[in-house]
Protein backbone atom coordinates (compact mmCIF):
# COMPACT_ATOMS: atom_id res chain seq x y z
CA GLU A 1 14.21 -26.47 -9.48
CA PHE A 2 15.73 -23.05 -8.75
CA ARG A 3 18.47 -21.38 -10.68
CA PRO A 4 21.47 -19.95 -8.77
CA ILE A 5 20.28 -16.42 -9.50
CA ASP A 6 17.02 -17.18 -7.66
CA HIS A 7 18.95 -18.27 -4.56
CA ALA A 8 21.02 -15.08 -4.66
CA HIS A 9 17.90 -12.93 -4.97
CA ASN A 10 16.13 -14.69 -2.11
CA ALA A 11 19.18 -14.27 0.14
CA ARG A 12 19.02 -10.48 -0.29
CA ILE A 13 15.40 -10.17 0.85
CA ASN A 14 15.04 -8.97 4.43
CA GLY A 15 12.14 -10.87 6.00
CA THR A 16 10.94 -8.15 8.39
CA LEU A 17 11.03 -5.41 5.78
CA TYR A 18 9.25 -7.62 3.27
CA GLY A 19 6.55 -8.30 5.86
CA GLN A 20 6.06 -4.57 6.33
CA ARG A 21 5.74 -4.18 2.58
CA ALA A 22 3.07 -6.88 2.50
CA LEU A 23 1.09 -5.05 5.21
CA SER A 24 1.26 -1.72 3.39
CA GLU A 25 0.28 -3.31 0.06
CA THR A 26 -2.75 -4.84 1.79
CA VAL A 27 -3.82 -1.45 3.14
CA PHE A 28 -3.35 0.16 -0.29
CA SER A 29 -5.46 -2.59 -1.83
CA VAL A 30 -8.28 -2.11 0.68
CA ILE A 31 -8.28 1.65 0.15
CA LYS A 32 -8.38 1.25 -3.63
CA ARG A 33 -11.18 -1.33 -3.49
CA THR A 34 -13.39 0.60 -1.08
CA LEU A 35 -12.72 4.24 -1.94
CA GLY A 36 -11.78 4.00 -5.60
CA ASP A 37 -8.49 3.81 -7.41
CA ALA A 38 -8.57 7.18 -9.15
CA VAL A 39 -7.61 10.60 -7.86
CA ARG A 40 -9.88 13.18 -9.36
CA ALA A 41 -7.94 16.32 -8.41
CA ARG A 42 -5.65 17.97 -10.93
CA SER A 43 -3.15 20.01 -8.91
CA TRP A 44 -0.47 18.37 -6.77
CA TYR A 45 -1.74 19.90 -3.52
CA ARG A 46 -5.30 18.75 -4.10
CA GLU A 47 -4.17 15.26 -5.13
CA PHE A 48 -2.16 15.00 -1.92
CA ARG A 49 -5.09 16.26 0.14
CA GLU A 50 -7.42 13.74 -1.50
CA ILE A 51 -5.05 10.86 -0.74
CA VAL A 52 -4.65 12.00 2.86
CA LEU A 53 -8.43 12.18 3.25
CA MET A 54 -8.78 8.66 1.82
CA CYS A 55 -6.34 7.43 4.45
CA VAL A 56 -8.23 9.27 7.19
CA VAL A 57 -11.51 7.70 6.09
CA TYR A 58 -9.87 4.27 6.04
CA ASN A 59 -8.55 4.78 9.58
CA ILE A 60 -11.94 5.97 10.85
CA LYS A 61 -13.70 2.97 9.28
CA ARG A 62 -11.15 0.68 10.88
CA ALA A 63 -11.50 2.35 14.30
CA VAL A 64 -15.30 2.04 14.21
CA LYS A 65 -15.17 -1.70 13.52
């Protein structure tokens, strides 16, 4: 059913770190679905600022609920 390479790969996965990755991927998914998946700014600073503001809006929405 599983090849030996699959067993070796699964043995290297750290369960707690993988769980943290799943949580962050969920948050990224929610932000992209609710606030859009495109960054409209062109310069690096403005892109960063836009992403930070998206995260702030997500946190405020979550705090209000």
